[in-house]
PDB file of all heavy atoms in Angstrom:
ATOM      1  N   TYR A   1       0.896  -7.827  -4.602  1.00  0.00           N
ATOM      2  CA  TYR A   1       1.886  -7.196  -3.842  1.00  0.00           C
ATOM      3  C   TYR A   1       2.384  -5.889  -4.485  1.00  0.00           C
ATOM      4  O   TYR A   1       2.220  -5.716  -5.696  1.00  0.00           O
ATOM      5  CB  TYR A   1       3.127  -8.103  -3.501  1.00  0.00           C
ATOM      6  CG  TYR A   1       2.673  -9.256  -2.653  1.00  0.00           C
ATOM      7  CD1 TYR A   1       2.403 -10.489  -3.210  1.00  0.00           C
ATOM      8  CD2 TYR A   1       2.688  -9.145  -1.190  1.00  0.00           C
ATOM      9  CE1 TYR A   1       2.036 -11.624  -2.404  1.00  0.00           C
ATOM     10  CE2 TYR A   1       2.265 -10.244  -0.448  1.00  0.00           C
ATOM     11  CZ  TYR A   1       1.949 -11.472  -0.976  1.00  0.00           C
ATOM     12  OH  TYR A   1       1.686 -12.519  -0.192  1.00  0.00           O
ATOM     13  N   GLY A   2       2.930  -5.001  -3.592  1.00  0.00           N
ATOM     14  CA  GLY A   2       3.502  -3.765  -4.258  1.00  0.00           C
ATOM     15  C   GLY A   2       2.499  -2.797  -4.662  1.00  0.00           C
ATOM     16  O   GLY A   2       1.469  -2.621  -4.130  1.00  0.00           O
ATOM     17  N   THR A   3       2.768  -2.197  -5.856  1.00  0.00           N
ATOM     18  CA  THR A   3       2.002  -1.060  -6.421  1.00  0.00           C
ATOM     19  C   THR A   3       0.543  -1.448  -6.544  1.00  0.00           C
ATOM     20  O   THR A   3      -0.311  -0.561  -6.258  1.00  0.00           O
ATOM     21  CB  THR A   3       2.534  -0.664  -7.792  1.00  0.00           C
ATOM     22  OG1 THR A   3       3.943  -0.170  -7.539  1.00  0.00           O
ATOM     23  CG2 THR A   3       1.708   0.483  -8.344  1.00  0.00           C
ATOM     24  N   PRO A   4       0.100  -2.591  -7.132  1.00  0.00           N
ATOM     25  CA  PRO A   4      -1.367  -2.937  -7.169  1.00  0.00           C
ATOM     26  C   PRO A   4      -2.099  -2.746  -5.838  1.00  0.00           C
ATOM     27  O   PRO A   4      -3.226  -2.169  -5.760  1.00  0.00           O
ATOM     28  CB  PRO A   4      -1.385  -4.296  -7.723  1.00  0.00           C
ATOM     29  CG  PRO A   4      -0.070  -4.470  -8.418  1.00  0.00           C
ATOM     30  CD  PRO A   4       0.967  -3.700  -7.629  1.00  0.00           C
ATOM     31  N   GLY A   5      -1.390  -3.319  -4.778  1.00  0.00           N
ATOM     32  CA  GLY A   5      -2.070  -3.201  -3.437  1.00  0.00           C
ATOM     33  C   GLY A   5      -2.155  -1.787  -2.931  1.00  0.00           C
ATOM     34  O   GLY A   5      -3.118  -1.271  -2.293  1.00  0.00           O
ATOM     35  N   HIS A   6      -1.038  -1.045  -3.208  1.00  0.00           N
ATOM     36  CA  HIS A   6      -0.996   0.383  -2.752  1.00  0.00           C
ATOM     37  C   HIS A   6      -2.112   1.131  -3.393  1.00  0.00           C
ATOM     38  O   HIS A   6      -2.866   2.014  -2.851  1.00  0.00           O
ATOM     39  CB  HIS A   6       0.398   0.989  -3.108  1.00  0.00           C
ATOM     40  CG  HIS A   6       1.570   0.182  -2.533  1.00  0.00           C
ATOM     41  ND1 HIS A   6       1.462  -0.765  -1.513  1.00  0.00           N
ATOM     42  CD2 HIS A   6       2.787   0.329  -2.949  1.00  0.00           C
ATOM     43  CE1 HIS A   6       2.607  -1.164  -1.318  1.00  0.00           C
ATOM     44  NE2 HIS A   6       3.465  -0.619  -2.173  1.00  0.00           N
ATOM     45  N   GLU A   7      -2.249   0.974  -4.762  1.00  0.00           N
ATOM     46  CA  GLU A   7      -3.238   1.756  -5.479  1.00  0.00           C
ATOM     47  C   GLU A   7      -4.612   1.347  -5.165  1.00  0.00           C
ATOM     48  O   GLU A   7      -5.458   2.216  -5.147  1.00  0.00           O
ATOM     49  CB  GLU A   7      -3.034   1.392  -7.023  1.00  0.00           C
ATOM     50  CG  GLU A   7      -1.793   2.075  -7.636  1.00  0.00           C
ATOM     51  CD  GLU A   7      -1.965   3.650  -7.722  1.00  0.00           C
ATOM     52  OE1 GLU A   7      -3.033   4.119  -8.104  1.00  0.00           O
ATOM     53  OE2 GLU A   7      -1.049   4.370  -7.281  1.00  0.00           O
ATOM     54  N   ALA A   8      -4.871   0.007  -4.787  1.00  0.00           N
ATOM     55  CA  ALA A   8      -6.192  -0.269  -4.351  1.00  0.00           C
ATOM     56  C   ALA A   8      -6.668   0.400  -3.112  1.00  0.00           C
ATOM     57  O   ALA A   8      -7.795   0.797  -2.983  1.00  0.00           O
ATOM     58  CB  ALA A   8      -6.206  -1.815  -4.119  1.00  0.00           C
ATOM     59  N   LEU A   9      -5.738   0.592  -2.171  1.00  0.00           N
ATOM     60  CA  LEU A   9      -6.022   1.304  -0.967  1.00  0.00           C
ATOM     61  C   LEU A   9      -6.172   2.750  -1.248  1.00  0.00           C
ATOM     62  O   LEU A   9      -7.127   3.385  -0.767  1.00  0.00           O
ATOM     63  CB  LEU A   9      -4.896   1.103   0.073  1.00  0.00           C
ATOM     64  CG  LEU A   9      -5.086   1.811   1.418  1.00  0.00           C
ATOM     65  CD1 LEU A   9      -6.287   1.186   2.109  1.00  0.00           C
ATOM     66  CD2 LEU A   9      -3.852   1.526   2.369  1.00  0.00           C
ATOM     67  N   LYS A  10      -5.339   3.322  -2.005  1.00  0.00           N
ATOM     68  CA  LYS A  10      -5.351   4.782  -2.395  1.00  0.00           C
ATOM     69  C   LYS A  10      -6.621   5.084  -3.136  1.00  0.00           C
ATOM     70  O   LYS A  10      -7.294   6.172  -2.849  1.00  0.00           O
ATOM     71  CB  LYS A  10      -4.185   5.122  -3.239  1.00  0.00           C
ATOM     72  CG  LYS A  10      -4.119   6.543  -3.719  1.00  0.00           C
ATOM     73  CD  LYS A  10      -2.924   6.838  -4.529  1.00  0.00           C
ATOM     74  CE  LYS A  10      -2.939   8.298  -5.135  1.00  0.00           C
ATOM     75  NZ  LYS A  10      -1.704   8.528  -5.968  1.00  0.00           N
ATOM     76  N   ASN A  11      -7.129   4.252  -3.987  1.00  0.00           N
ATOM     77  CA  ASN A  11      -8.276   4.557  -4.792  1.00  0.00           C
ATOM     78  C   ASN A  11      -9.586   4.090  -4.184  1.00  0.00           C
ATOM     79  O   ASN A  11     -10.653   4.224  -4.878  1.00  0.00           O
ATOM     80  CB  ASN A  11      -8.143   3.964  -6.184  1.00  0.00           C
ATOM     81  CG  ASN A  11      -6.977   4.551  -6.992  1.00  0.00           C
ATOM     82  OD1 ASN A  11      -6.592   5.743  -6.831  1.00  0.00           O
ATOM     83  ND2 ASN A  11      -6.284   3.753  -7.792  1.00  0.00           N
ATOM     84  N   GLY A  12      -9.569   3.523  -3.003  1.00  0.00           N
ATOM     85  CA  GLY A  12     -10.792   3.160  -2.320  1.00  0.00           C
ATOM     86  C   GLY A  12     -11.279   1.806  -2.676  1.00  0.00           C
ATOM     87  O   GLY A  12     -12.416   1.386  -2.315  1.00  0.00           O
ATOM     88  N   VAL A  13     -10.574   1.061  -3.474  1.00  0.00           N
ATOM     89  CA  VAL A  13     -10.957  -0.340  -3.842  1.00  0.00           C
ATOM     90  C   VAL A  13     -10.989  -1.147  -2.578  1.00  0.00           C
ATOM     91  O   VAL A  13     -11.858  -2.053  -2.340  1.00  0.00           O
ATOM     92  CB  VAL A  13     -10.050  -0.999  -4.830  1.00  0.00           C
ATOM     93  CG1 VAL A  13     -10.473  -2.414  -5.093  1.00  0.00           C
ATOM     94  CG2 VAL A  13     -10.059  -0.114  -6.155  1.00  0.00           C
ATOM     95  N   THR A  14     -10.076  -0.912  -1.728  1.00  0.00           N
ATOM     96  CA  THR A  14     -10.035  -1.509  -0.277  1.00  0.00           C
ATOM     97  C   THR A  14     -10.121  -0.380   0.695  1.00  0.00           C
ATOM     98  O   THR A  14      -9.658   0.728   0.420  1.00  0.00           O
ATOM     99  CB  THR A  14      -8.771  -2.329  -0.071  1.00  0.00           C
ATOM    100  OG1 THR A  14      -7.595  -1.526  -0.306  1.00  0.00           O
ATOM    101  CG2 THR A  14      -8.689  -3.463  -1.055  1.00  0.00           C
ATOM    102  N   ASP A  15     -10.719  -0.696   1.876  1.00  0.00           N
ATOM    103  CA  ASP A  15     -10.809   0.266   2.929  1.00  0.00           C
ATOM    104  C   ASP A  15      -9.573   0.169   3.890  1.00  0.00           C
ATOM    105  O   ASP A  15      -9.285   1.181   4.530  1.00  0.00           O
ATOM    106  CB  ASP A  15     -12.160  -0.034   3.741  1.00  0.00           C
ATOM    107  CG  ASP A  15     -13.377   0.063   2.884  1.00  0.00           C
ATOM    108  OD1 ASP A  15     -13.577   1.165   2.336  1.00  0.00           O
ATOM    109  OD2 ASP A  15     -14.065  -0.910   2.772  1.00  0.00           O
ATOM    110  N   ALA A  16      -9.070  -1.011   3.916  1.00  0.00           N
ATOM    111  CA  ALA A  16      -7.849  -1.213   4.766  1.00  0.00           C
ATOM    112  C   ALA A  16      -7.071  -2.370   4.085  1.00  0.00           C
ATOM    113  O   ALA A  16      -7.588  -3.051   3.238  1.00  0.00           O
ATOM    114  CB  ALA A  16      -8.272  -1.724   6.186  1.00  0.00           C
ATOM    115  N   ALA A  17      -5.811  -2.445   4.511  1.00  0.00           N
ATOM    116  CA  ALA A  17      -4.949  -3.560   3.948  1.00  0.00           C
ATOM    117  C   ALA A  17      -4.090  -4.057   5.061  1.00  0.00           C
ATOM    118  O   ALA A  17      -3.966  -3.404   6.124  1.00  0.00           O
ATOM    119  CB  ALA A  17      -4.154  -3.033   2.803  1.00  0.00           C
ATOM    120  N   ILE A  18      -3.550  -5.298   4.834  1.00  0.00           N
ATOM    121  CA  ILE A  18      -2.525  -5.790   5.745  1.00  0.00           C
ATOM    122  C   ILE A  18      -1.237  -5.935   5.010  1.00  0.00           C
ATOM    123  O   ILE A  18      -1.175  -6.484   3.886  1.00  0.00           O
ATOM    124  CB  ILE A  18      -3.056  -7.200   6.162  1.00  0.00           C
ATOM    125  CG1 ILE A  18      -4.288  -7.100   6.992  1.00  0.00           C
ATOM    126  CG2 ILE A  18      -1.942  -7.813   7.188  1.00  0.00           C
ATOM    127  CD1 ILE A  18      -4.949  -8.456   7.403  1.00  0.00           C
ATOM    128  N   SER A  19      -0.229  -5.300   5.640  1.00  0.00           N
ATOM    129  CA  SER A  19       1.082  -5.376   4.927  1.00  0.00           C
ATOM    130  C   SER A  19       2.062  -5.658   6.135  1.00  0.00           C
ATOM    131  O   SER A  19       1.755  -5.795   7.288  1.00  0.00           O
ATOM    132  CB  SER A  19       1.423  -4.039   4.294  1.00  0.00           C
ATOM    133  OG  SER A  19       2.661  -4.150   3.655  1.00  0.00           O
ATOM    134  N   PHE A  20       3.353  -5.742   5.791  1.00  0.00           N
ATOM    135  CA  PHE A  20       4.381  -5.928   6.789  1.00  0.00           C
ATOM    136  C   PHE A  20       5.185  -4.721   6.877  1.00  0.00           C
ATOM    137  O   PHE A  20       5.199  -3.843   5.980  1.00  0.00           O
ATOM    138  CB  PHE A  20       5.200  -7.216   6.461  1.00  0.00           C
ATOM    139  CG  PHE A  20       5.988  -7.097   5.195  1.00  0.00           C
ATOM    140  CD1 PHE A  20       7.320  -6.847   5.065  1.00  0.00           C
ATOM    141  CD2 PHE A  20       5.299  -7.311   3.911  1.00  0.00           C
ATOM    142  CE1 PHE A  20       8.051  -6.708   3.859  1.00  0.00           C
ATOM    143  CE2 PHE A  20       5.993  -7.197   2.701  1.00  0.00           C
ATOM    144  CZ  PHE A  20       7.340  -6.971   2.695  1.00  0.00           C
ATOM    145  N   THR A  21       5.932  -4.503   7.959  1.00  0.00           N
ATOM    146  CA  THR A  21       6.608  -3.188   8.263  1.00  0.00           C
ATOM    147  C   THR A  21       7.570  -2.806   7.147  1.00  0.00           C
ATOM    148  O   THR A  21       7.597  -1.609   6.759  1.00  0.00           O
ATOM    149  CB  THR A  21       7.307  -3.345   9.597  1.00  0.00           C
ATOM    150  OG1 THR A  21       8.132  -4.503   9.693  1.00  0.00           O
ATOM    151  CG2 THR A  21       6.269  -3.258  10.743  1.00  0.00           C
ATOM    152  N   GLY A  22       8.250  -3.751   6.554  1.00  0.00           N
ATOM    153  CA  GLY A  22       9.207  -3.384   5.456  1.00  0.00           C
ATOM    154  C   GLY A  22       8.467  -2.976   4.216  1.00  0.00           C
ATOM    155  O   GLY A  22       8.830  -2.020   3.600  1.00  0.00           O
ATOM    156  N   GLY A  23       7.330  -3.635   3.998  1.00  0.00           N
ATOM    157  CA  GLY A  23       6.520  -3.261   2.845  1.00  0.00           C
ATOM    158  C   GLY A  23       5.895  -1.928   3.036  1.00  0.00           C
ATOM    159  O   GLY A  23       5.703  -1.160   2.023  1.00  0.00           O
ATOM    160  N   ILE A  24       5.511  -1.599   4.228  1.00  0.00           N
ATOM    161  CA  ILE A  24       4.955  -0.244   4.531  1.00  0.00           C
ATOM    162  C   ILE A  24       5.997   0.884   4.372  1.00  0.00           C
ATOM    163  O   ILE A  24       5.707   1.956   3.823  1.00  0.00           O
ATOM    164  CB  ILE A  24       4.344  -0.208   5.927  1.00  0.00           C
ATOM    165  CG1 ILE A  24       3.206  -1.143   6.042  1.00  0.00           C
ATOM    166  CG2 ILE A  24       3.957   1.207   6.371  1.00  0.00           C
ATOM    167  CD1 ILE A  24       2.767  -1.441   7.539  1.00  0.00           C
ATOM    168  N   ALA A  25       7.242   0.524   4.709  1.00  0.00           N
ATOM    169  CA  ALA A  25       8.323   1.448   4.474  1.00  0.00           C
ATOM    170  C   ALA A  25       8.518   1.722   2.973  1.00  0.00           C
ATOM    171  O   ALA A  25       8.749   2.926   2.600  1.00  0.00           O
ATOM    172  CB  ALA A  25       9.646   0.945   5.105  1.00  0.00           C
ATOM    173  N   ARG A  26       8.456   0.631   2.198  1.00  0.00           N
ATOM    174  CA  ARG A  26       8.554   0.862   0.791  1.00  0.00           C
ATOM    175  C   ARG A  26       7.392   1.634   0.218  1.00  0.00           C
ATOM    176  O   ARG A  26       7.555   2.461  -0.745  1.00  0.00           O
ATOM    177  CB  ARG A  26       8.658  -0.413   0.094  1.00  0.00           C
ATOM    178  CG  ARG A  26       9.901  -1.172   0.390  1.00  0.00           C
ATOM    179  CD  ARG A  26      10.215  -2.347  -0.650  1.00  0.00           C
ATOM    180  NE  ARG A  26       9.402  -3.455  -0.529  1.00  0.00           N
ATOM    181  CZ  ARG A  26       9.571  -4.487   0.325  1.00  0.00           C
ATOM    182  NH1 ARG A  26      10.614  -4.440   1.117  1.00  0.00           N
ATOM    183  NH2 ARG A  26       8.809  -5.480   0.400  1.00  0.00           N
ATOM    184  N   MET A  27       6.186   1.486   0.820  1.00  0.00           N
ATOM    185  CA  MET A  27       5.069   2.258   0.401  1.00  0.00           C
ATOM    186  C   MET A  27       5.304   3.746   0.541  1.00  0.00           C
ATOM    187  O   MET A  27       5.095   4.541  -0.316  1.00  0.00           O
ATOM    188  CB  MET A  27       3.799   1.853   1.119  1.00  0.00           C
ATOM    189  CG  MET A  27       3.131   0.569   0.756  1.00  0.00           C
ATOM    190  SD  MET A  27       1.646   0.251   1.696  1.00  0.00           S
ATOM    191  CE  MET A  27       0.538   1.382   0.950  1.00  0.00           C
ATOM    192  N   LYS A  28       5.883   4.097   1.763  1.00  0.00           N
ATOM    193  CA  LYS A  28       6.117   5.505   2.051  1.00  0.00           C
ATOM    194  C   LYS A  28       7.137   6.069   1.133  1.00  0.00           C
ATOM    195  O   LYS A  28       7.085   7.213   0.726  1.00  0.00           O
ATOM    196  CB  LYS A  28       6.511   5.643   3.543  1.00  0.00           C
ATOM    197  CG  LYS A  28       5.231   5.328   4.475  1.00  0.00           C
ATOM    198  CD  LYS A  28       5.588   5.469   5.968  1.00  0.00           C
ATOM    199  CE  LYS A  28       4.360   5.180   6.838  1.00  0.00           C
ATOM    200  NZ  LYS A  28       4.724   5.432   8.314  1.00  0.00           N
ATOM    201  N   VAL A  29       8.216   5.261   0.900  1.00  0.00           N
ATOM    202  CA  VAL A  29       9.266   5.650   0.019  1.00  0.00           C
ATOM    203  C   VAL A  29       8.711   6.025  -1.374  1.00  0.00           C
ATOM    204  O   VAL A  29       9.164   6.841  -2.074  1.00  0.00           O
ATOM    205  CB  VAL A  29      10.369   4.576  -0.075  1.00  0.00           C
ATOM    206  CG1 VAL A  29      11.254   4.850  -1.306  1.00  0.00           C
ATOM    207  CG2 VAL A  29      11.246   4.606   1.252  1.00  0.00           C
ATOM    208  N   ALA A  30       7.699   5.188  -1.800  1.00  0.00           N
ATOM    209  CA  ALA A  30       7.045   5.400  -3.125  1.00  0.00           C
ATOM    210  C   ALA A  30       6.073   6.482  -3.147  1.00  0.00           C
ATOM    211  O   ALA A  30       5.529   6.804  -4.253  1.00  0.00           O
ATOM    212  CB  ALA A  30       6.448   4.062  -3.587  1.00  0.00           C
ATOM    213  N   GLY A  31       5.881   7.136  -2.083  1.00  0.00           N
ATOM    214  CA  GLY A  31       5.008   8.329  -1.973  1.00  0.00           C
ATOM    215  C   GLY A  31       3.553   8.075  -1.607  1.00  0.00           C
ATOM    216  O   GLY A  31       2.745   8.960  -1.564  1.00  0.00           O
ATOM    217  N   TYR A  32       3.298   6.840  -0.990  1.00  0.00           N
ATOM    218  CA  TYR A  32       1.904   6.561  -0.533  1.00  0.00           C
ATOM    219  C   TYR A  32       1.835   6.914   0.955  1.00  0.00           C
ATOM    220  O   TYR A  32       2.711   6.506   1.767  1.00  0.00           O
ATOM    221  CB  TYR A  32       1.577   5.088  -0.740  1.00  0.00           C
ATOM    222  CG  TYR A  32       1.476   4.662  -2.130  1.00  0.00           C
ATOM    223  CD1 TYR A  32       2.566   4.194  -2.873  1.00  0.00           C
ATOM    224  CD2 TYR A  32       0.265   4.750  -2.815  1.00  0.00           C
ATOM    225  CE1 TYR A  32       2.486   3.855  -4.189  1.00  0.00           C
ATOM    226  CE2 TYR A  32       0.156   4.419  -4.162  1.00  0.00           C
ATOM    227  CZ  TYR A  32       1.280   3.941  -4.792  1.00  0.00           C
ATOM    228  OH  TYR A  32       1.124   3.633  -6.121  1.00  0.00           O
TER     229      TYR A  32
END
């Protein structure tokens, strides 16, 4: 959860991910 998952998507380790709306808000706050 959190940064490892965000980085995996950003760096192409994953093509897509499943998150929840609150987690997505935190991603955007963190600059993703």
